[in-house]
Structure formats: C-alpha cells, structure tokens
PDB file of N, CA and C in Angstrom:
ATOM      1  N   UNK A   1     129.310-134.712 -67.608  1.00  0.00           N
ATOM      2  CA  UNK A   1     130.752-134.878 -67.401  1.00  0.00           C
ATOM      3  C   UNK A   1     130.907-135.060 -65.430  1.00  0.00           C
ATOM      4  N   UNK A   2     131.724-135.879 -65.305  1.00  0.00           N
ATOM      5  CA  UNK A   2     131.431-135.852 -63.832  1.00  0.00           C
ATOM      6  C   UNK A   2     132.387-135.288 -63.002  1.00  0.00           C
ATOM      7  N   UNK A   3     132.580-134.364 -61.787  1.00  0.00           N
ATOM      8  CA  UNK A   3     133.524-133.552 -61.514  1.00  0.00           C
ATOM      9  C   UNK A   3     134.627-134.190 -60.483  1.00  0.00           C
ATOM     10  N   UNK A   4     135.585-134.179 -60.595  1.00  0.00           N
ATOM     11  CA  UNK A   4     136.359-134.842 -59.172  1.00  0.00           C
ATOM     12  C   UNK A   4     136.087-134.286 -57.942  1.00  0.00           C
ATOM     13  N   UNK A   5     136.315-134.835 -56.869  1.00  0.00           N
ATOM     14  CA  UNK A   5     136.004-134.064 -55.593  1.00  0.00           C
ATOM     15  C   UNK A   5     137.575-133.495 -55.237  1.00  0.00           C
ATOM     16  N   UNK A   6     138.087-132.481 -54.756  1.00  0.00           N
ATOM     17  CA  UNK A   6     138.836-131.670 -54.439  1.00  0.00           C
ATOM     18  C   UNK A   6     138.891-130.201 -54.452  1.00  0.00           C
ATOM     19  N   UNK A   7     140.028-129.157 -54.248  1.00  0.00           N
ATOM     20  CA  UNK A   7     139.603-127.704 -54.618  1.00  0.00           C
ATOM     21  C   UNK A   7     140.711-127.780 -55.205  1.00  0.00           C
ATOM     22  N   UNK A   8     140.221-126.799 -56.058  1.00  0.00           N
ATOM     23  CA  UNK A   8     140.892-126.158 -57.316  1.00  0.00           C
ATOM     24  C   UNK A   8     142.298-125.130 -56.898  1.00  0.00           C
ATOM     25  N   UNK A   9     142.795-124.651 -57.652  1.00  0.00           N
ATOM     26  CA  UNK A   9     144.178-123.985 -57.268  1.00  0.00           C
ATOM     27  C   UNK A   9     143.544-122.770 -56.393  1.00  0.00           C
ATOM     28  N   UNK A  10     142.678-121.866 -57.205  1.00  0.00           N
ATOM     29  CA  UNK A  10     142.694-120.702 -56.458  1.00  0.00           C
ATOM     30  C   UNK A  10     142.119-121.030 -54.939  1.00  0.00           C
ATOM     31  N   UNK A  11     141.196-121.711 -54.753  1.00  0.00           N
ATOM     32  CA  UNK A  11     140.756-122.194 -53.687  1.00  0.00           C
ATOM     33  C   UNK A  11     142.006-122.593 -52.513  1.00  0.00           C
ATOM     34  N   UNK A  12     142.880-123.406 -52.873  1.00  0.00           N
ATOM     35  CA  UNK A  12     144.223-123.210 -52.108  1.00  0.00           C
ATOM     36  C   UNK A  12     144.746-121.802 -51.667  1.00  0.00           C
ATOM     37  N   UNK A  13     144.767-121.246 -53.262  1.00  0.00           N
ATOM     38  CA  UNK A  13     145.792-120.059 -52.872  1.00  0.00           C
ATOM     39  C   UNK A  13     144.933-118.770 -51.592  1.00  0.00           C
ATOM     40  N   UNK A  14     143.736-119.196 -51.975  1.00  0.00           N
ATOM     41  CA  UNK A  14     143.167-118.112 -50.763  1.00  0.00           C
ATOM     42  C   UNK A  14     143.232-118.763 -49.249  1.00  0.00           C
ATOM     43  N   UNK A  15     143.291-120.049 -49.131  1.00  0.00           N
ATOM     44  CA  UNK A  15     143.489-120.732 -47.918  1.00  0.00           C
ATOM     45  C   UNK A  15     144.645-120.525 -47.519  1.00  0.00           C
ATOM     46  N   UNK A  16     145.881-120.585 -48.077  1.00  0.00           N
ATOM     47  CA  UNK A  16     147.201-120.193 -47.778  1.00  0.00           C
ATOM     48  C   UNK A  16     147.433-118.995 -47.318  1.00  0.00           C
ATOM     49  N   UNK A  17     147.087-117.868 -48.114  1.00  0.00           N
ATOM     50  CA  UNK A  17     146.837-116.350 -47.977  1.00  0.00           C
ATOM     51  C   UNK A  17     146.272-115.934 -46.501  1.00  0.00           C
ATOM     52  N   UNK A  18     144.960-116.903 -46.567  1.00  0.00           N
ATOM     53  CA  UNK A  18     144.267-116.489 -44.920  1.00  0.00           C
ATOM     54  C   UNK A  18     145.429-117.045 -44.021  1.00  0.00           C
ATOM     55  N   UNK A  19     145.620-118.068 -44.261  1.00  0.00           N
ATOM     56  CA  UNK A  19     146.295-118.812 -43.108  1.00  0.00           C
ATOM     57  C   UNK A  19     147.935-117.939 -42.755  1.00  0.00           C
ATOM     58  N   UNK A  20     148.539-117.608 -43.847  1.00  0.00           N
ATOM     59  CA  UNK A  20     149.500-116.359 -43.774  1.00  0.00           C
ATOM     60  C   UNK A  20     149.157-115.398 -42.749  1.00  0.00           C
ATOM     61  N   UNK A  21     148.034-114.404 -43.162  1.00  0.00           N
ATOM     62  CA  UNK A  21     147.537-113.824 -42.308  1.00  0.00           C
ATOM     63  C   UNK A  21     147.324-113.873 -40.816  1.00  0.00           C
ATOM     64  N   UNK A  22     146.729-114.830 -40.704  1.00  0.00           N
ATOM     65  CA  UNK A  22     146.692-115.315 -39.178  1.00  0.00           C
ATOM     66  C   UNK A  22     148.306-115.838 -38.657  1.00  0.00           C
ATOM     67  N   UNK A  23     149.123-116.375 -39.297  1.00  0.00           N
ATOM     68  CA  UNK A  23     150.306-116.361 -38.415  1.00  0.00           C
ATOM     69  C   UNK A  23     150.789-115.486 -38.422  1.00  0.00           C
ATOM     70  N   UNK A  24     150.878-114.162 -39.380  1.00  0.00           N
ATOM     71  CA  UNK A  24     151.618-112.860 -39.202  1.00  0.00           C
ATOM     72  C   UNK A  24     150.946-112.216 -37.935  1.00  0.00           C
ATOM     73  N   UNK A  25     149.471-112.453 -37.864  1.00  0.00           N
ATOM     74  CA  UNK A  25     148.681-111.992 -36.622  1.00  0.00           C
ATOM     75  C   UNK A  25     149.353-112.423 -35.693  1.00  0.00           C
ATOM     76  N   UNK A  26     149.400-113.683 -35.235  1.00  0.00           N
ATOM     77  CA  UNK A  26     149.964-114.147 -34.240  1.00  0.00           C
ATOM     78  C   UNK A  26     150.914-113.818 -33.802  1.00  0.00           C
ATOM     79  N   UNK A  27     152.209-114.099 -34.637  1.00  0.00           N
ATOM     80  CA  UNK A  27     153.478-113.506 -34.414  1.00  0.00           C
ATOM     81  C   UNK A  27     153.720-112.122 -33.538  1.00  0.00           C
ATOM     82  N   UNK A  28     152.767-111.286 -34.495  1.00  0.00           N
ATOM     83  CA  UNK A  28     153.091-109.944 -34.063  1.00  0.00           C
ATOM     84  C   UNK A  28     152.496-109.903 -32.460  1.00  0.00           C
ATOM     85  N   UNK A  29     151.390-110.499 -32.089  1.00  0.00           N
ATOM     86  CA  UNK A  29     150.694-110.572 -30.997  1.00  0.00           C
ATOM     87  C   UNK A  29     151.784-111.269 -29.877  1.00  0.00           C
ATOM     88  N   UNK A  30     152.301-112.354 -30.073  1.00  0.00           N
ATOM     89  CA  UNK A  30     153.566-112.931 -29.303  1.00  0.00           C
ATOM     90  C   UNK A  30     154.719-112.170 -28.909  1.00  0.00           C
ATOM     91  N   UNK A  31     155.071-111.095 -30.175  1.00  0.00           N
ATOM     92  CA  UNK A  31     155.993-110.474 -30.019  1.00  0.00           C
ATOM     93  C   UNK A  31     155.703-109.606 -29.116  1.00  0.00           C
ATOM     94  N   UNK A  32     154.607-108.730 -29.242  1.00  0.00           N
ATOM     95  CA  UNK A  32     153.916-107.544 -27.905  1.00  0.00           C
ATOM     96  C   UNK A  32     154.055-108.338 -27.082  1.00  0.00           C
ATOM     97  N   UNK A  33     153.356-109.424 -26.678  1.00  0.00           N
ATOM     98  CA  UNK A  33     153.475-109.644 -25.198  1.00  0.00           C
ATOM     99  C   UNK A  33     154.719-110.196 -25.001  1.00  0.00           C
ATOM    100  N   UNK A  34     155.307-110.495 -25.621  1.00  0.00           N
ATOM    101  CA  UNK A  34     157.078-110.751 -24.734  1.00  0.00           C
ATOM    102  C   UNK A  34     157.501-109.617 -24.412  1.00  0.00           C
ATOM    103  N   UNK A  35     157.548-108.459 -25.584  1.00  0.00           N
ATOM    104  CA  UNK A  35     158.172-107.185 -25.251  1.00  0.00           C
ATOM    105  C   UNK A  35     157.583-106.590 -24.069  1.00  0.00           C
ATOM    106  N   UNK A  36     156.317-106.605 -23.870  1.00  0.00           N
ATOM    107  CA  UNK A  36     155.477-105.704 -22.669  1.00  0.00           C
ATOM    108  C   UNK A  36     155.829-106.881 -21.255  1.00  0.00           C
ATOM    109  N   UNK A  37     155.972-108.124 -21.434  1.00  0.00           N
ATOM    110  CA  UNK A  37     156.580-108.975 -20.164  1.00  0.00           C
ATOM    111  C   UNK A  37     157.666-108.350 -20.005  1.00  0.00           C
ATOM    112  N   UNK A  38     159.005-108.166 -20.871  1.00  0.00           N
ATOM    113  CA  UNK A  38     160.292-107.821 -20.548  1.00  0.00           C
ATOM    114  C   UNK A  38     160.277-106.600 -19.889  1.00  0.00           C
ATOM    115  N   UNK A  39     159.390-105.387 -20.324  1.00  0.00           N
ATOM    116  CA  UNK A  39     159.279-104.075 -19.820  1.00  0.00           C
ATOM    117  C   UNK A  39     159.183-104.214 -18.566  1.00  0.00           C
ATOM    118  N   UNK A  40     157.865-105.019 -18.194  1.00  0.00           N
ATOM    119  CA  UNK A  40     157.304-105.182 -17.078  1.00  0.00           C
ATOM    120  C   UNK A  40     158.058-105.707 -15.844  1.00  0.00           C
ATOM    121  N   UNK A  41     158.875-106.583 -16.128  1.00  0.00           N
ATOM    122  CA  UNK A  41     160.055-106.949 -15.330  1.00  0.00           C
ATOM    123  C   UNK A  41     161.032-106.136 -14.974  1.00  0.00           C
ATOM    124  N   UNK A  42     161.372-105.454 -15.984  1.00  0.00           N
ATOM    125  CA  UNK A  42     162.508-104.370 -15.689  1.00  0.00           C
ATOM    126  C   UNK A  42     161.549-103.359 -14.690  1.00  0.00           C
ATOM    127  N   UNK A  43     160.401-102.998 -14.704  1.00  0.00           N
ATOM    128  CA  UNK A  43     160.091-101.928 -13.817  1.00  0.00           C
ATOM    129  C   UNK A  43     159.626-102.462 -12.639  1.00  0.00           C
ATOM    130  N   UNK A  44     159.814-103.529 -12.612  1.00  0.00           N
ATOM    131  CA  UNK A  44     159.424-104.088 -10.913  1.00  0.00           C
ATOM    132  C   UNK A  44     160.795-104.724 -10.677  1.00  0.00           C
ATOM    133  N   UNK A  45     161.558-105.028 -10.954  1.00  0.00           N
ATOM    134  CA  UNK A  45     163.384-105.169 -10.727  1.00  0.00           C
ATOM    135  C   UNK A  45     163.847-103.341 -10.157  1.00  0.00           C
ATOM    136  N   UNK A  46     163.609-102.005 -11.153  1.00  0.00           N
ATOM    137  CA  UNK A  46     164.076-101.171 -10.843  1.00  0.00           C
ATOM    138  C   UNK A  46     163.454-100.552  -9.513  1.00  0.00           C
ATOM    139  N   UNK A  47     162.214-100.506  -9.447  1.00  0.00           N
ATOM    140  CA  UNK A  47     161.260-100.552  -8.399  1.00  0.00           C
ATOM    141  C   UNK A  47     161.634-101.207  -6.913  1.00  0.00           C
ATOM    142  N   UNK A  48     161.886-102.760  -7.404  1.00  0.00           N
ATOM    143  CA  UNK A  48     162.569-103.445  -6.182  1.00  0.00           C
ATOM    144  C   UNK A  48     163.951-102.758  -5.619  1.00  0.00           C
ATOM    145  N   UNK A  49     164.586-102.406  -6.541  1.00  0.00           N
ATOM    146  CA  UNK A  49     165.919-101.712  -6.209  1.00  0.00           C
ATOM    147  C   UNK A  49     166.123-100.449  -5.467  1.00  0.00           C
ATOM    148  N   UNK A  50     165.294 -99.641  -6.005  1.00  0.00           N
ATOM    149  CA  UNK A  50     165.267 -98.530  -5.420  1.00  0.00           C
ATOM    150  C   UNK A  50     164.215 -98.769  -3.770  1.00  0.00           C
ATOM    151  N   UNK A  51     163.528 -99.616  -3.663  1.00  0.00           N
ATOM    152  CA  UNK A  51     162.800 -99.577  -2.223  1.00  0.00           C
ATOM    153  C   UNK A  51     163.676-100.178  -1.773  1.00  0.00           C
ATOM    154  N   UNK A  52     164.908-101.234  -1.880  1.00  0.00           N
ATOM    155  CA  UNK A  52     165.816-101.820  -0.847  1.00  0.00           C
ATOM    156  C   UNK A  52     166.894-100.928  -0.411  1.00  0.00           C
ATOM    157  N   UNK A  53     167.163 -99.742  -1.405  1.00  0.00           N
ATOM    158  CA  UNK A  53     168.120 -98.692  -1.449  1.00  0.00           C
ATOM    159  C   UNK A  53     167.293 -97.721  -0.153  1.00  0.00           C
ATOM    160  N   UNK A  54     166.284 -97.316  -0.729  1.00  0.00           N
ATOM    161  CA  UNK A  54     165.383 -96.938   0.374  1.00  0.00           C
ATOM    162  C   UNK A  54     165.532 -96.898   1.988  1.00  0.00           C
ATOM    163  N   UNK A  55     165.218 -98.387   1.829  1.00  0.00           N
ATOM    164  CA  UNK A  55     165.334 -98.755   3.358  1.00  0.00           C
ATOM    165  C   UNK A  55     166.630 -99.190   3.819  1.00  0.00           C
ATOM    166  N   UNK A  56     167.570 -99.087   3.157  1.00  0.00           N
ATOM    167  CA  UNK A  56     169.292 -99.251   3.493  1.00  0.00           C
ATOM    168  C   UNK A  56     169.445 -97.967   4.479  1.00  0.00           C
ATOM    169  N   UNK A  57     168.895 -97.104   3.336  1.00  0.00           N
ATOM    170  CA  UNK A  57     169.478 -95.604   3.707  1.00  0.00           C
ATOM    171  C   UNK A  57     168.629 -94.901   5.025  1.00  0.00           C
ATOM    172  N   UNK A  58     167.474 -95.455   4.949  1.00  0.00           N
ATOM    173  CA  UNK A  58     166.778 -95.100   6.355  1.00  0.00           C
ATOM    174  C   UNK A  58     167.180 -95.819   7.541  1.00  0.00           C
ATOM    175  N   UNK A  59     167.496 -96.873   7.130  1.00  0.00           N
ATOM    176  CA  UNK A  59     168.251 -97.803   8.652  1.00  0.00           C
ATOM    177  C   UNK A  59     169.526 -96.762   9.262  1.00  0.00           C
ATOM    178  N   UNK A  60     170.314 -96.523   8.081  1.00  0.00           N
ATOM    179  CA  UNK A  60     171.937 -95.978   8.168  1.00  0.00           C
ATOM    180  C   UNK A  60     171.623 -94.384   8.794  1.00  0.00           C
ATOM    181  N   UNK A  61     170.502 -93.948   8.485  1.00  0.00           N
ATOM    182  CA  UNK A  61     170.340 -92.502   9.116  1.00  0.00           C
ATOM    183  C   UNK A  61     169.475 -92.859   9.995  1.00  0.00           C
ATOM    184  N   UNK A  62     168.810 -93.448  10.407  1.00  0.00           N
ATOM    185  CA  UNK A  62     168.414 -94.164  12.012  1.00  0.00           C
ATOM    186  C   UNK A  62     169.167 -94.296  12.801  1.00  0.00           C
ATOM    187  N   UNK A  63     170.036 -94.698  12.672  1.00  0.00           N
ATOM    188  CA  UNK A  63     171.238 -95.279  13.566  1.00  0.00           C
ATOM    189  C   UNK A  63     172.293 -94.398  13.597  1.00  0.00           C
ATOM    190  N   UNK A  64     172.146 -93.182  13.242  1.00  0.00           N
ATOM    191  CA  UNK A  64     173.157 -92.140  13.026  1.00  0.00           C
ATOM    192  C   UNK A  64     173.507 -91.991  14.623  1.00  0.00           C
ATOM    193  N   UNK A  65     174.523 -91.376  14.824  1.00  0.00           N
ATOM    194  CA  UNK A  65     174.867 -90.786  16.185  1.00  0.00           C
ATOM    195  C   UNK A  65     175.052 -89.326  16.176  1.00  0.00           C
ATOM    196  N   UNK A  66     175.078 -88.658  17.163  1.00  0.00           N
ATOM    197  CA  UNK A  66     175.179 -87.446  17.319  1.00  0.00           C
ATOM    198  C   UNK A  66     176.274 -86.628  17.223  1.00  0.00           C
ATOM    199  N   UNK A  67     176.537 -85.834  16.355  1.00  0.00           N
ATOM    200  CA  UNK A  67     178.141 -84.841  16.504  1.00  0.00           C
ATOM    201  C   UNK A  67     178.705 -85.715  15.096  1.00  0.00           C
ATOM    202  N   UNK A  68     177.929 -85.043  14.085  1.00  0.00           N
ATOM    203  CA  UNK A  68     178.494 -85.731  12.692  1.00  0.00           C
ATOM    204  C   UNK A  68     179.347 -85.336  12.252  1.00  0.00           C
ATOM    205  N   UNK A  69     180.353 -85.713  11.317  1.00  0.00           N
ATOM    206  CA  UNK A  69     181.245 -85.472  10.605  1.00  0.00           C
ATOM    207  C   UNK A  69     180.818 -84.432   9.645  1.00  0.00           C
ATOM    208  N   UNK A  70     181.376 -83.391   9.174  1.00  0.00           N
ATOM    209  CA  UNK A  70     180.958 -82.368   8.137  1.00  0.00           C
ATOM    210  C   UNK A  70     181.025 -83.003   6.846  1.00  0.00           C
ATOM    211  N   UNK A  71     179.837 -82.511   6.064  1.00  0.00           N
ATOM    212  CA  UNK A  71     179.760 -83.354   4.770  1.00  0.00           C
ATOM    213  C   UNK A  71     180.512 -82.346   3.740  1.00  0.00           C
ATOM    214  N   UNK A  72     179.985 -82.717   2.480  1.00  0.00           N
ATOM    215  CA  UNK A  72     180.565 -81.530   1.333  1.00  0.00           C
ATOM    216  C   UNK A  72     178.945 -81.327   0.480  1.00  0.00           C
ATOM    217  N   UNK A  73     179.169 -80.078  -0.733  1.00  0.00           N
ATOM    218  CA  UNK A  73     177.640 -79.582  -1.016  1.00  0.00           C
ATOM    219  C   UNK A  73     176.899 -81.177  -1.815  1.00  0.00           C
ATOM    220  N   UNK A  74     177.919 -82.204  -2.059  1.00  0.00           N
ATOM    221  CA  UNK A  74     177.180 -83.284  -2.520  1.00  0.00           C
ATOM    222  C   UNK A  74     177.476 -84.052  -1.850  1.00  0.00           C
ATOM    223  N   UNK A  75     177.789 -84.690  -0.638  1.00  0.00           N
ATOM    224  CA  UNK A  75     177.835 -85.782   0.642  1.00  0.00           C
ATOM    225  C   UNK A  75     176.864 -85.434   1.542  1.00  0.00           C
ATOM    226  N   UNK A  76     176.612 -86.537   1.992  1.00  0.00           N
ATOM    227  CA  UNK A  76     175.864 -86.321   3.503  1.00  0.00           C
ATOM    228  C   UNK A  76     176.956 -87.643   4.316  1.00  0.00           C
ATOM    229  N   UNK A  77     177.620 -86.998   5.104  1.00  0.00           N
ATOM    230  CA  UNK A  77     178.252 -87.703   6.002  1.00  0.00           C
ATOM    231  C   UNK A  77     177.555 -87.717   7.718  1.00  0.00           C
ATOM    232  N   UNK A  78     178.175 -89.432   7.942  1.00  0.00           N
ATOM    233  CA  UNK A  78     177.743 -89.943   9.708  1.00  0.00           C
ATOM    234  C   UNK A  78     178.090 -90.922   9.555  1.00  0.00           C
ATOM    235  N   UNK A  79     177.786 -90.828  11.050  1.00  0.00           N
ATOM    236  CA  UNK A  79     178.738 -91.858  12.468  1.00  0.00           C
ATOM    237  C   UNK A  79     177.483 -92.794  12.364  1.00  0.00           C
ATOM    238  N   UNK A  80     177.200 -93.979  11.712  1.00  0.00           N
ATOM    239  CA  UNK A  80     176.374 -94.673  12.116  1.00  0.00           C
ATOM    240  C   UNK A  80     176.439 -96.492  12.446  1.00  0.00           C
ATOM    241  N   UNK A  81     175.720 -96.987  12.750  1.00  0.00           N
ATOM    242  CA  UNK A  81     175.992 -98.387  12.399  1.00  0.00           C
ATOM    243  C   UNK A  81     175.881 -99.328  11.474  1.00  0.00           C
ATOM    244  N   UNK A  82     176.327-100.500  10.981  1.00  0.00           N
ATOM    245  CA  UNK A  82     176.271-101.157   9.942  1.00  0.00           C
ATOM    246  C   UNK A  82     175.693-102.527   9.852  1.00  0.00           C
ATOM    247  N   UNK A  83     174.289-102.868   9.366  1.00  0.00           N
ATOM    248  CA  UNK A  83     174.034-104.001   9.757  1.00  0.00           C
ATOM    249  C   UNK A  83     174.995-105.318  10.054  1.00  0.00           C
ATOM    250  N   UNK A  84     174.457-106.419  10.860  1.00  0.00           N
ATOM    251  CA  UNK A  84     175.921-107.202  10.942  1.00  0.00           C
ATOM    252  C   UNK A  84     175.797-108.090   9.535  1.00  0.00           C
ATOM    253  N   UNK A  85     175.263-108.093   8.417  1.00  0.00           N
ATOM    254  CA  UNK A  85     175.751-108.734   7.548  1.00  0.00           C
ATOM    255  C   UNK A  85     176.463-107.941   6.564  1.00  0.00           C
ATOM    256  N   UNK A  86     176.864-106.260   6.844  1.00  0.00           N
ATOM    257  CA  UNK A  86     177.789-105.595   6.079  1.00  0.00           C
ATOM    258  C   UNK A  86     179.022-105.578   6.559  1.00  0.00           C
ATOM    259  N   UNK A  87     179.255-105.518   8.320  1.00  0.00           N
ATOM    260  CA  UNK A  87     180.014-105.237   9.089  1.00  0.00           C
ATOM    261  C   UNK A  87     181.160-106.336   9.017  1.00  0.00           C
ATOM    262  N   UNK A  88     182.251-105.862   9.009  1.00  0.00           N
ATOM    263  CA  UNK A  88     183.539-106.784   8.786  1.00  0.00           C
ATOM    264  C   UNK A  88     183.980-107.067  10.310  1.00  0.00           C
ATOM    265  N   UNK A  89     184.510-106.137  11.188  1.00  0.00           N
ATOM    266  CA  UNK A  89     184.893-106.343  12.204  1.00  0.00           C
ATOM    267  C   UNK A  89     184.281-105.487  13.366  1.00  0.00           C
ATOM    268  N   UNK A  90     184.050-103.884  12.673  1.00  0.00           N
ATOM    269  CA  UNK A  90     183.825-103.104  13.674  1.00  0.00           C
ATOM    270  C   UNK A  90     182.094-102.971  12.814  1.00  0.00           C
ATOM    271  N   UNK A  91     181.649-102.214  13.646  1.00  0.00           N
ATOM    272  CA  UNK A  91     180.119-101.762  12.973  1.00  0.00           C
ATOM    273  C   UNK A  91     179.718-100.801  12.917  1.00  0.00           C
ATOM    274  N   UNK A  92     180.572-100.022  14.047  1.00  0.00           N
ATOM    275  CA  UNK A  92     180.771 -98.386  13.846  1.00  0.00           C
ATOM    276  C   UNK A  92     181.174 -97.880  13.022  1.00  0.00           C
ATOM    277  N   UNK A  93     181.239 -96.957  12.145  1.00  0.00           N
ATOM    278  CA  UNK A  93     181.713 -96.257  11.134  1.00  0.00           C
ATOM    279  C   UNK A  93     181.483 -95.195  10.636  1.00  0.00           C
ATOM    280  N   UNK A  94     182.309 -94.399   9.961  1.00  0.00           N
ATOM    281  CA  UNK A  94     181.894 -92.980   9.473  1.00  0.00           C
ATOM    282  C   UNK A  94     181.425 -93.627   7.793  1.00  0.00           C
ATOM    283  N   UNK A  95     180.248 -92.887   7.360  1.00  0.00           N
ATOM    284  CA  UNK A  95     179.515 -93.071   6.198  1.00  0.00           C
ATOM    285  C   UNK A  95     179.404 -91.934   5.877  1.00  0.00           C
ATOM    286  N   UNK A  96     179.634 -92.303   4.586  1.00  0.00           N
ATOM    287  CA  UNK A  96     179.326 -90.707   3.261  1.00  0.00           C
ATOM    288  C   UNK A  96     178.500 -91.394   2.449  1.00  0.00           C
ATOM    289  N   UNK A  97     177.213 -90.632   1.878  1.00  0.00           N
ATOM    290  CA  UNK A  97     176.336 -90.757   1.070  1.00  0.00           C
ATOM    291  C   UNK A  97     176.840 -89.539  -0.100  1.00  0.00           C
ATOM    292  N   UNK A  98     176.754 -89.725  -1.237  1.00  0.00           N
ATOM    293  CA  UNK A  98     177.105 -89.078  -1.936  1.00  0.00           C
ATOM    294  C   UNK A  98     176.395 -89.183  -3.680  1.00  0.00           C
ATOM    295  N   UNK A  99     176.804 -88.360  -4.239  1.00  0.00           N
ATOM    296  CA  UNK A  99     175.988 -88.366  -5.926  1.00  0.00           C
ATOM    297  C   UNK A  99     177.098 -88.166  -6.653  1.00  0.00           C
ATOM    298  N   UNK A 100     177.680 -88.926  -7.755  1.00  0.00           N
ATOM    299  CA  UNK A 100     178.435 -89.180  -8.801  1.00  0.00           C
ATOM    300  C   UNK A 100     177.658 -88.091  -9.819  1.00  0.00           C
ATOM    301  N   UNK A 101     178.606 -88.014 -10.482  1.00  0.00           N
ATOM    302  CA  UNK A 101     178.275 -86.734 -12.115  1.00  0.00           C
ATOM    303  C   UNK A 101     177.489 -87.102 -12.602  1.00  0.00           C
ATOM    304  N   UNK A 102     177.471 -88.314 -12.316  1.00  0.00           N
ATOM    305  CA  UNK A 102     176.840 -89.581 -13.741  1.00  0.00           C
ATOM    306  C   UNK A 102     175.084 -89.712 -12.934  1.00  0.00           C
ATOM    307  N   UNK A 103     175.028 -89.328 -11.793  1.00  0.00           N
ATOM    308  CA  UNK A 103     174.070 -88.947 -10.991  1.00  0.00           C
ATOM    309  C   UNK A 103     173.522 -90.732  -9.933  1.00  0.00           C
ATOM    310  N   UNK A 104     174.607 -91.404  -9.914  1.00  0.00           N
ATOM    311  CA  UNK A 104     174.586 -92.650  -9.118  1.00  0.00           C
ATOM    312  C   UNK A 104     174.689 -92.250  -7.755  1.00  0.00           C
ATOM    313  N   UNK A 105     173.897 -92.858  -6.902  1.00  0.00           N
ATOM    314  CA  UNK A 105     174.111 -92.555  -5.458  1.00  0.00           C
ATOM    315  C   UNK A 105     175.056 -93.849  -4.845  1.00  0.00           C
ATOM    316  N   UNK A 106     176.267 -92.955  -4.193  1.00  0.00           N
ATOM    317  CA  UNK A 106     177.250 -93.794  -3.788  1.00  0.00           C
ATOM    318  C   UNK A 106     177.535 -93.943  -2.255  1.00  0.00           C
ATOM    319  N   UNK A 107     177.785 -95.306  -1.550  1.00  0.00           N
ATOM    320  CA  UNK A 107     177.656 -95.084  -0.018  1.00  0.00           C
ATOM    321  C   UNK A 107     179.024 -95.546  -0.048  1.00  0.00           C
ATOM    322  N   UNK A 108     180.099 -94.834   0.907  1.00  0.00           N
ATOM    323  CA  UNK A 108     181.143 -95.398   1.164  1.00  0.00           C
ATOM    324  C   UNK A 108     181.661 -95.400   3.026  1.00  0.00           C
ATOM    325  N   UNK A 109     182.034 -96.232   3.507  1.00  0.00           N
ATOM    326  CA  UNK A 109     182.170 -96.064   4.921  1.00  0.00           C
ATOM    327  C   UNK A 109     183.692 -96.430   4.736  1.00  0.00           C
ATOM    328  N   UNK A 110     184.217 -96.275   6.133  1.00  0.00           N
ATOM    329  CA  UNK A 110     185.145 -96.341   6.812  1.00  0.00           C
ATOM    330  C   UNK A 110     185.221 -96.550   8.358  1.00  0.00           C
ATOM    331  N   UNK A 111     185.845 -97.421   8.989  1.00  0.00           N
ATOM    332  CA  UNK A 111     185.691 -97.925  10.534  1.00  0.00           C
ATOM    333  C   UNK A 111     185.799 -96.747  11.252  1.00  0.00           C
ATOM    334  N   UNK A 112     184.710 -96.600  12.103  1.00  0.00           N
ATOM    335  CA  UNK A 112     185.446 -95.417  13.169  1.00  0.00           C
ATOM    336  C   UNK A 112     185.753 -95.724  14.435  1.00  0.00           C
ATOM    337  N   UNK A 113     186.281 -95.071  15.000  1.00  0.00           N
ATOM    338  CA  UNK A 113     187.187 -95.234  16.409  1.00  0.00           C
ATOM    339  C   UNK A 113     186.303 -95.515  17.501  1.00  0.00           C
ATOM    340  N   UNK A 114     186.703 -96.800  18.003  1.00  0.00           N
ATOM    341  CA  UNK A 114     185.565 -97.287  19.096  1.00  0.00           C
ATOM    342  C   UNK A 114     185.892 -96.029  20.241  1.00  0.00           C
ATOM    343  N   UNK A 115     184.828 -96.573  20.804  1.00  0.00           N
ATOM    344  CA  UNK A 115     184.755 -95.258  22.022  1.00  0.00           C
ATOM    345  C   UNK A 115     183.613 -94.754  22.605  1.00  0.00           C
ATOM    346  N   UNK A 116     183.524 -93.443  23.410  1.00  0.00           N
ATOM    347  CA  UNK A 116     182.042 -92.762  23.361  1.00  0.00           C
ATOM    348  C   UNK A 116     182.353 -91.392  22.011  1.00  0.00           C
ATOM    349  N   UNK A 117     181.245 -91.522  21.976  1.00  0.00           N
ATOM    350  CA  UNK A 117     181.357 -90.246  20.605  1.00  0.00           C
ATOM    351  C   UNK A 117     181.655 -89.114  21.303  1.00  0.00           C
TER     352      UNK A 117
END
C-alpha cells in the first residue's frame, strides 16, 4: 500500500496548539512591555513636573525681598520678582505658597506696590 504525502489530523492539531501557545505568550509579553512603557513614561513625567516646580519655587524664594508679609500655618508669604514670562506689567509681587486640603501646592500672587520696600 502506498502512503500519500501530507500531515495527519493529529499532527495538524498539535501544530495548531503549539502555534496558539506561542501567540498567547507573545501577546502577554507585548502587553507587559506596553504597560511597563506607560508606567515608566508616567514616572518620568511626574519627576519632571516635580523638578520644574522645585526650580520655580527655588527661584521665587531666592529673589525674595526683606520685610516679608505674615503668612498663615498653611501658607508661606513673600515679596518676590516673577520671571519675565509670567509677569504681566509689574514683576514685583506679593506671593503666597500654600497647600490645599487635598495636598496640592498652590502659588498665588498679586502685584506689589512699586517703590522702596
């Protein structure tokens, strides 16, 4: 009896199962890679935001003038100079740095009267 060339049904089923397992592993690996990329991007963005905030606060505090206005238990008040990009007409401002109930840092300012401090 002469045998026909080809694959049996059992061989085809085994090949499909192996292929399915490989594809499932590949899908899990790509899902893990994408989730890791998103977490890393979010961490880098948060770190960048904190560094920018730190630089801005450091600059405002470094340029503070003597004779500061009184603050409150949850705010820090100072007279300082705003950067050129943030200043509308007067760069000298009364600034208050505070913390909200939800823990957010808030910077509020109003123009300071011009003249000697």
